[in-house]
PDB file of all heavy atoms in Angstrom:
ATOM      1  N   THR A   1     -36.389  67.318 -35.088  1.00  0.00           N
ATOM      2  CA  THR A   1     -37.034  68.441 -35.861  1.00  0.00           C
ATOM      3  C   THR A   1     -38.534  68.132 -36.061  1.00  0.00           C
ATOM      4  O   THR A   1     -38.944  66.971 -36.084  1.00  0.00           O
ATOM      5  CB  THR A   1     -36.458  68.653 -37.217  1.00  0.00           C
ATOM      6  OG1 THR A   1     -36.487  67.523 -38.036  1.00  0.00           O
ATOM      7  CG2 THR A   1     -34.994  69.145 -37.091  1.00  0.00           C
ATOM      8  N   ILE A   2     -39.299  69.140 -36.257  1.00  0.00           N
ATOM      9  CA  ILE A   2     -40.705  69.024 -36.654  1.00  0.00           C
ATOM     10  C   ILE A   2     -40.963  69.875 -37.804  1.00  0.00           C
ATOM     11  O   ILE A   2     -40.271  70.933 -38.078  1.00  0.00           O
ATOM     12  CB  ILE A   2     -41.698  69.422 -35.469  1.00  0.00           C
ATOM     13  CG1 ILE A   2     -41.477  70.855 -35.072  1.00  0.00           C
ATOM     14  CG2 ILE A   2     -41.526  68.449 -34.356  1.00  0.00           C
ATOM     15  CD1 ILE A   2     -42.563  71.351 -34.212  1.00  0.00           C
ATOM     16  N   SER A   3     -41.984  69.531 -38.602  1.00  0.00           N
ATOM     17  CA  SER A   3     -42.314  70.388 -39.786  1.00  0.00           C
ATOM     18  C   SER A   3     -43.846  70.452 -39.859  1.00  0.00           C
ATOM     19  O   SER A   3     -44.561  69.542 -39.440  1.00  0.00           O
ATOM     20  CB  SER A   3     -41.806  69.603 -41.028  1.00  0.00           C
ATOM     21  OG  SER A   3     -42.235  70.250 -42.225  1.00  0.00           O
ATOM     22  N   ASP A   4     -44.306  71.584 -40.410  1.00  0.00           N
ATOM     23  CA  ASP A   4     -45.713  71.829 -40.432  1.00  0.00           C
ATOM     24  C   ASP A   4     -46.326  71.549 -41.853  1.00  0.00           C
ATOM     25  O   ASP A   4     -47.517  71.758 -42.120  1.00  0.00           O
ATOM     26  CB  ASP A   4     -46.183  73.138 -39.911  1.00  0.00           C
ATOM     27  CG  ASP A   4     -45.673  74.295 -40.791  1.00  0.00           C
ATOM     28  OD1 ASP A   4     -45.007  74.039 -41.783  1.00  0.00           O
ATOM     29  OD2 ASP A   4     -46.065  75.420 -40.497  1.00  0.00           O
ATOM     30  N   GLY A   5     -45.512  71.122 -42.791  1.00  0.00           N
ATOM     31  CA  GLY A   5     -45.964  70.805 -44.155  1.00  0.00           C
ATOM     32  C   GLY A   5     -46.066  71.985 -45.081  1.00  0.00           C
ATOM     33  O   GLY A   5     -46.381  71.865 -46.215  1.00  0.00           O
ATOM     34  N   THR A   6     -45.725  73.191 -44.572  1.00  0.00           N
ATOM     35  CA  THR A   6     -45.738  74.393 -45.479  1.00  0.00           C
ATOM     36  C   THR A   6     -44.372  74.788 -45.841  1.00  0.00           C
ATOM     37  O   THR A   6     -44.133  75.896 -46.352  1.00  0.00           O
ATOM     38  CB  THR A   6     -46.392  75.545 -44.713  1.00  0.00           C
ATOM     39  OG1 THR A   6     -45.658  76.011 -43.610  1.00  0.00           O
ATOM     40  CG2 THR A   6     -47.851  75.263 -44.312  1.00  0.00           C
ATOM     41  N   GLY A   7     -43.378  74.014 -45.424  1.00  0.00           N
ATOM     42  CA  GLY A   7     -41.969  74.346 -45.735  1.00  0.00           C
ATOM     43  C   GLY A   7     -41.248  74.843 -44.438  1.00  0.00           C
ATOM     44  O   GLY A   7     -40.021  75.049 -44.513  1.00  0.00           O
ATOM     45  N   ARG A   8     -41.988  75.171 -43.373  1.00  0.00           N
ATOM     46  CA  ARG A   8     -41.373  75.592 -42.186  1.00  0.00           C
ATOM     47  C   ARG A   8     -41.007  74.328 -41.371  1.00  0.00           C
ATOM     48  O   ARG A   8     -41.699  73.381 -41.272  1.00  0.00           O
ATOM     49  CB  ARG A   8     -42.279  76.466 -41.376  1.00  0.00           C
ATOM     50  CG  ARG A   8     -42.559  77.727 -42.028  1.00  0.00           C
ATOM     51  CD  ARG A   8     -43.417  78.721 -41.106  1.00  0.00           C
ATOM     52  NE  ARG A   8     -44.509  78.092 -40.458  1.00  0.00           N
ATOM     53  CZ  ARG A   8     -45.318  78.639 -39.514  1.00  0.00           C
ATOM     54  NH1 ARG A   8     -44.958  79.830 -39.105  1.00  0.00           N
ATOM     55  NH2 ARG A   8     -46.288  78.027 -39.011  1.00  0.00           N
ATOM     56  N   SER A   9     -39.811  74.415 -40.681  1.00  0.00           N
ATOM     57  CA  SER A   9     -39.391  73.374 -39.742  1.00  0.00           C
ATOM     58  C   SER A   9     -38.702  74.025 -38.544  1.00  0.00           C
ATOM     59  O   SER A   9     -38.142  75.154 -38.706  1.00  0.00           O
ATOM     60  CB  SER A   9     -38.529  72.365 -40.463  1.00  0.00           C
ATOM     61  OG  SER A   9     -37.283  72.915 -40.816  1.00  0.00           O
ATOM     62  N   TRP A  10     -38.693  73.295 -37.448  1.00  0.00           N
ATOM     63  CA  TRP A  10     -38.147  73.740 -36.230  1.00  0.00           C
ATOM     64  C   TRP A  10     -37.234  72.666 -35.662  1.00  0.00           C
ATOM     65  O   TRP A  10     -37.577  71.497 -35.723  1.00  0.00           O
ATOM     66  CB  TRP A  10     -39.185  74.043 -35.183  1.00  0.00           C
ATOM     67  CG  TRP A  10     -40.102  75.116 -35.625  1.00  0.00           C
ATOM     68  CD1 TRP A  10     -39.940  76.521 -35.147  1.00  0.00           C
ATOM     69  CD2 TRP A  10     -41.301  75.159 -36.386  1.00  0.00           C
ATOM     70  NE1 TRP A  10     -41.011  77.224 -35.716  1.00  0.00           N
ATOM     71  CE2 TRP A  10     -41.774  76.445 -36.491  1.00  0.00           C
ATOM     72  CE3 TRP A  10     -41.877  74.119 -37.092  1.00  0.00           C
ATOM     73  CZ2 TRP A  10     -42.927  76.666 -37.185  1.00  0.00           C
ATOM     74  CZ3 TRP A  10     -43.050  74.389 -37.793  1.00  0.00           C
ATOM     75  CH2 TRP A  10     -43.558  75.701 -37.887  1.00  0.00           C
ATOM     76  N   THR A  11     -36.017  73.080 -35.107  1.00  0.00           N
ATOM     77  CA  THR A  11     -35.171  72.179 -34.412  1.00  0.00           C
ATOM     78  C   THR A  11     -35.470  72.346 -32.861  1.00  0.00           C
ATOM     79  O   THR A  11     -35.437  73.474 -32.346  1.00  0.00           O
ATOM     80  CB  THR A  11     -33.736  72.446 -34.645  1.00  0.00           C
ATOM     81  OG1 THR A  11     -33.455  72.292 -36.083  1.00  0.00           O
ATOM     82  CG2 THR A  11     -32.821  71.465 -33.927  1.00  0.00           C
ATOM     83  N   LEU A  12     -35.759  71.212 -32.239  1.00  0.00           N
ATOM     84  CA  LEU A  12     -36.183  71.318 -30.815  1.00  0.00           C
ATOM     85  C   LEU A  12     -34.924  71.570 -29.901  1.00  0.00           C
ATOM     86  O   LEU A  12     -33.892  70.938 -30.096  1.00  0.00           O
ATOM     87  CB  LEU A  12     -36.867  70.053 -30.320  1.00  0.00           C
ATOM     88  CG  LEU A  12     -38.136  69.817 -31.214  1.00  0.00           C
ATOM     89  CD1 LEU A  12     -38.794  68.506 -30.716  1.00  0.00           C
ATOM     90  CD2 LEU A  12     -39.102  70.955 -31.109  1.00  0.00           C
ATOM     91  N   SER A  13     -34.993  72.391 -28.984  1.00  0.00           N
ATOM     92  CA  SER A  13     -33.895  72.690 -28.080  1.00  0.00           C
ATOM     93  C   SER A  13     -34.176  72.239 -26.668  1.00  0.00           C
ATOM     94  O   SER A  13     -33.218  72.170 -25.831  1.00  0.00           O
ATOM     95  CB  SER A  13     -33.491  74.243 -28.097  1.00  0.00           C
ATOM     96  OG  SER A  13     -34.617  75.006 -27.725  1.00  0.00           O
ATOM     97  N   SER A  14     -35.357  71.972 -26.305  1.00  0.00           N
ATOM     98  CA  SER A  14     -35.745  71.350 -25.083  1.00  0.00           C
ATOM     99  C   SER A  14     -37.071  70.627 -25.198  1.00  0.00           C
ATOM    100  O   SER A  14     -37.922  71.092 -25.987  1.00  0.00           O
ATOM    101  CB  SER A  14     -35.794  72.387 -23.941  1.00  0.00           C
ATOM    102  OG  SER A  14     -36.879  73.182 -24.031  1.00  0.00           O
ATOM    103  N   THR A  15     -37.258  69.558 -24.444  1.00  0.00           N
ATOM    104  CA  THR A  15     -38.456  68.826 -24.549  1.00  0.00           C
ATOM    105  C   THR A  15     -38.831  68.214 -23.174  1.00  0.00           C
ATOM    106  O   THR A  15     -37.905  67.983 -22.298  1.00  0.00           O
ATOM    107  CB  THR A  15     -38.363  67.602 -25.507  1.00  0.00           C
ATOM    108  OG1 THR A  15     -37.371  66.717 -25.082  1.00  0.00           O
ATOM    109  CG2 THR A  15     -38.090  68.062 -26.911  1.00  0.00           C
ATOM    110  N   ARG A  16     -40.078  68.028 -22.881  1.00  0.00           N
ATOM    111  CA  ARG A  16     -40.506  67.363 -21.674  1.00  0.00           C
ATOM    112  C   ARG A  16     -41.923  66.793 -21.915  1.00  0.00           C
ATOM    113  O   ARG A  16     -42.663  67.391 -22.670  1.00  0.00           O
ATOM    114  CB  ARG A  16     -40.455  68.199 -20.478  1.00  0.00           C
ATOM    115  CG  ARG A  16     -41.582  69.193 -20.275  1.00  0.00           C
ATOM    116  CD  ARG A  16     -41.475  69.857 -18.947  1.00  0.00           C
ATOM    117  NE  ARG A  16     -42.633  70.760 -18.744  1.00  0.00           N
ATOM    118  CZ  ARG A  16     -43.719  70.464 -18.079  1.00  0.00           C
ATOM    119  NH1 ARG A  16     -43.867  69.253 -17.605  1.00  0.00           N
ATOM    120  NH2 ARG A  16     -44.709  71.311 -18.014  1.00  0.00           N
ATOM    121  N   GLN A  17     -42.226  65.675 -21.346  1.00  0.00           N
ATOM    122  CA  GLN A  17     -43.520  65.071 -21.462  1.00  0.00           C
ATOM    123  C   GLN A  17     -44.401  65.622 -20.263  1.00  0.00           C
ATOM    124  O   GLN A  17     -43.986  65.551 -19.131  1.00  0.00           O
ATOM    125  CB  GLN A  17     -43.400  63.578 -21.377  1.00  0.00           C
ATOM    126  CG  GLN A  17     -44.704  62.889 -21.667  1.00  0.00           C
ATOM    127  CD  GLN A  17     -44.539  61.333 -21.697  1.00  0.00           C
ATOM    128  OE1 GLN A  17     -43.604  60.806 -21.121  1.00  0.00           O
ATOM    129  NE2 GLN A  17     -45.376  60.678 -22.413  1.00  0.00           N
ATOM    130  N   HIS A  18     -45.555  66.063 -20.589  1.00  0.00           N
ATOM    131  CA  HIS A  18     -46.485  66.653 -19.607  1.00  0.00           C
ATOM    132  C   HIS A  18     -47.584  65.614 -19.507  1.00  0.00           C
ATOM    133  O   HIS A  18     -48.400  65.371 -20.457  1.00  0.00           O
ATOM    134  CB  HIS A  18     -47.022  67.931 -19.992  1.00  0.00           C
ATOM    135  CG  HIS A  18     -48.035  68.489 -18.990  1.00  0.00           C
ATOM    136  ND1 HIS A  18     -49.377  68.214 -19.035  1.00  0.00           N
ATOM    137  CD2 HIS A  18     -47.819  69.315 -17.928  1.00  0.00           C
ATOM    138  CE1 HIS A  18     -49.987  68.840 -18.036  1.00  0.00           C
ATOM    139  NE2 HIS A  18     -49.045  69.520 -17.418  1.00  0.00           N
ATOM    140  N   ALA A  19     -47.712  64.914 -18.415  1.00  0.00           N
ATOM    141  CA  ALA A  19     -48.719  63.914 -18.183  1.00  0.00           C
ATOM    142  C   ALA A  19     -49.440  64.058 -16.886  1.00  0.00           C
ATOM    143  O   ALA A  19     -48.805  64.288 -15.867  1.00  0.00           O
ATOM    144  CB  ALA A  19     -48.166  62.491 -18.274  1.00  0.00           C
ATOM    145  N   VAL A  20     -50.816  63.961 -16.857  1.00  0.00           N
ATOM    146  CA  VAL A  20     -51.543  63.996 -15.663  1.00  0.00           C
ATOM    147  C   VAL A  20     -52.011  62.641 -15.350  1.00  0.00           C
ATOM    148  O   VAL A  20     -52.811  62.085 -16.199  1.00  0.00           O
ATOM    149  CB  VAL A  20     -52.772  65.007 -15.804  1.00  0.00           C
ATOM    150  CG1 VAL A  20     -53.636  64.974 -14.547  1.00  0.00           C
ATOM    151  CG2 VAL A  20     -52.264  66.388 -16.147  1.00  0.00           C
ATOM    152  N   PRO A  21     -51.620  62.021 -14.261  1.00  0.00           N
ATOM    153  CA  PRO A  21     -52.072  60.583 -13.992  1.00  0.00           C
ATOM    154  C   PRO A  21     -53.577  60.465 -13.981  1.00  0.00           C
ATOM    155  O   PRO A  21     -54.353  61.270 -13.401  1.00  0.00           O
ATOM    156  CB  PRO A  21     -51.481  60.340 -12.638  1.00  0.00           C
ATOM    157  CG  PRO A  21     -50.323  61.300 -12.485  1.00  0.00           C
ATOM    158  CD  PRO A  21     -50.769  62.549 -13.212  1.00  0.00           C
ATOM    159  N   GLY A  22     -54.033  59.451 -14.744  1.00  0.00           N
ATOM    160  CA  GLY A  22     -55.468  59.179 -14.769  1.00  0.00           C
ATOM    161  C   GLY A  22     -56.291  60.027 -15.668  1.00  0.00           C
ATOM    162  O   GLY A  22     -57.486  59.849 -15.823  1.00  0.00           O
ATOM    163  N   ILE A  23     -55.689  61.066 -16.316  1.00  0.00           N
ATOM    164  CA  ILE A  23     -56.451  61.946 -17.223  1.00  0.00           C
ATOM    165  C   ILE A  23     -55.622  62.055 -18.534  1.00  0.00           C
ATOM    166  O   ILE A  23     -54.984  63.095 -18.849  1.00  0.00           O
ATOM    167  CB  ILE A  23     -56.685  63.341 -16.640  1.00  0.00           C
ATOM    168  CG1 ILE A  23     -57.282  63.197 -15.209  1.00  0.00           C
ATOM    169  CG2 ILE A  23     -57.638  64.158 -17.533  1.00  0.00           C
ATOM    170  CD1 ILE A  23     -57.421  64.444 -14.554  1.00  0.00           C
ATOM    171  N   PRO A  24     -55.570  61.008 -19.401  1.00  0.00           N
ATOM    172  CA  PRO A  24     -54.798  61.062 -20.562  1.00  0.00           C
ATOM    173  C   PRO A  24     -55.186  62.048 -21.603  1.00  0.00           C
ATOM    174  O   PRO A  24     -54.402  62.452 -22.480  1.00  0.00           O
ATOM    175  CB  PRO A  24     -54.914  59.601 -21.151  1.00  0.00           C
ATOM    176  CG  PRO A  24     -56.192  59.096 -20.585  1.00  0.00           C
ATOM    177  CD  PRO A  24     -56.346  59.679 -19.249  1.00  0.00           C
ATOM    178  N   ASP A  25     -56.445  62.547 -21.587  1.00  0.00           N
ATOM    179  CA  ASP A  25     -56.921  63.515 -22.544  1.00  0.00           C
ATOM    180  C   ASP A  25     -56.128  64.855 -22.482  1.00  0.00           C
ATOM    181  O   ASP A  25     -56.219  65.628 -23.470  1.00  0.00           O
ATOM    182  CB  ASP A  25     -58.384  63.798 -22.402  1.00  0.00           C
ATOM    183  CG  ASP A  25     -59.223  62.632 -22.728  1.00  0.00           C
ATOM    184  OD1 ASP A  25     -58.729  61.741 -23.381  1.00  0.00           O
ATOM    185  OD2 ASP A  25     -60.429  62.572 -22.334  1.00  0.00           O
ATOM    186  N   VAL A  26     -55.496  65.153 -21.367  1.00  0.00           N
ATOM    187  CA  VAL A  26     -54.743  66.421 -21.240  1.00  0.00           C
ATOM    188  C   VAL A  26     -53.262  66.267 -21.359  1.00  0.00           C
ATOM    189  O   VAL A  26     -52.494  67.244 -21.147  1.00  0.00           O
ATOM    190  CB  VAL A  26     -55.059  67.209 -19.938  1.00  0.00           C
ATOM    191  CG1 VAL A  26     -56.583  67.506 -19.917  1.00  0.00           C
ATOM    192  CG2 VAL A  26     -54.654  66.419 -18.686  1.00  0.00           C
ATOM    193  N   ASP A  27     -52.742  65.017 -21.753  1.00  0.00           N
ATOM    194  CA  ASP A  27     -51.310  64.826 -21.840  1.00  0.00           C
ATOM    195  C   ASP A  27     -50.876  65.532 -23.169  1.00  0.00           C
ATOM    196  O   ASP A  27     -51.571  65.571 -24.191  1.00  0.00           O
ATOM    197  CB  ASP A  27     -51.056  63.345 -21.925  1.00  0.00           C
ATOM    198  CG  ASP A  27     -51.293  62.677 -20.633  1.00  0.00           C
ATOM    199  OD1 ASP A  27     -51.657  63.358 -19.625  1.00  0.00           O
ATOM    200  OD2 ASP A  27     -51.312  61.435 -20.616  1.00  0.00           O
ATOM    201  N   TYR A  28     -49.606  65.953 -23.125  1.00  0.00           N
ATOM    202  CA  TYR A  28     -48.969  66.522 -24.360  1.00  0.00           C
ATOM    203  C   TYR A  28     -47.482  66.561 -24.132  1.00  0.00           C
ATOM    204  O   TYR A  28     -47.002  66.278 -23.051  1.00  0.00           O
ATOM    205  CB  TYR A  28     -49.521  67.980 -24.637  1.00  0.00           C
ATOM    206  CG  TYR A  28     -49.163  68.977 -23.523  1.00  0.00           C
ATOM    207  CD1 TYR A  28     -48.077  69.804 -23.652  1.00  0.00           C
ATOM    208  CD2 TYR A  28     -50.045  69.172 -22.491  1.00  0.00           C
ATOM    209  CE1 TYR A  28     -47.722  70.703 -22.747  1.00  0.00           C
ATOM    210  CE2 TYR A  28     -49.695  70.147 -21.522  1.00  0.00           C
ATOM    211  CZ  TYR A  28     -48.622  70.914 -21.647  1.00  0.00           C
ATOM    212  OH  TYR A  28     -48.316  71.848 -20.717  1.00  0.00           O
ATOM    213  N   VAL A  29     -46.756  66.844 -25.230  1.00  0.00           N
ATOM    214  CA  VAL A  29     -45.287  67.018 -25.091  1.00  0.00           C
ATOM    215  C   VAL A  29     -45.032  68.463 -25.301  1.00  0.00           C
ATOM    216  O   VAL A  29     -45.501  69.116 -26.258  1.00  0.00           O
ATOM    217  CB  VAL A  29     -44.592  66.204 -26.207  1.00  0.00           C
ATOM    218  CG1 VAL A  29     -43.104  66.506 -26.221  1.00  0.00           C
ATOM    219  CG2 VAL A  29     -44.793  64.766 -26.062  1.00  0.00           C
ATOM    220  N   GLN A  30     -44.331  69.102 -24.354  1.00  0.00           N
ATOM    221  CA  GLN A  30     -43.974  70.529 -24.391  1.00  0.00           C
ATOM    222  C   GLN A  30     -42.525  70.621 -24.866  1.00  0.00           C
ATOM    223  O   GLN A  30     -41.691  69.868 -24.406  1.00  0.00           O
ATOM    224  CB  GLN A  30     -44.092  71.102 -23.034  1.00  0.00           C
ATOM    225  CG  GLN A  30     -43.672  72.582 -22.990  1.00  0.00           C
ATOM    226  CD  GLN A  30     -43.841  73.153 -21.577  1.00  0.00           C
ATOM    227  OE1 GLN A  30     -44.459  72.574 -20.675  1.00  0.00           O
ATOM    228  NE2 GLN A  30     -43.160  74.274 -21.353  1.00  0.00           N
ATOM    229  N   ALA A  31     -42.354  71.522 -25.834  1.00  0.00           N
ATOM    230  CA  ALA A  31     -40.938  71.685 -26.357  1.00  0.00           C
ATOM    231  C   ALA A  31     -40.696  73.158 -26.731  1.00  0.00           C
ATOM    232  O   ALA A  31     -41.692  73.977 -26.843  1.00  0.00           O
ATOM    233  CB  ALA A  31     -40.789  70.844 -27.618  1.00  0.00           C
TER     234      ALA A  31
END
């Protein structure tokens, strides 16, 4: 789960890591 601190939370149903080799500034986790 993730929470935004305002009382809302989400349960993740799918996740994947998005990474561009050699360019770490654009990496993120998509869910």
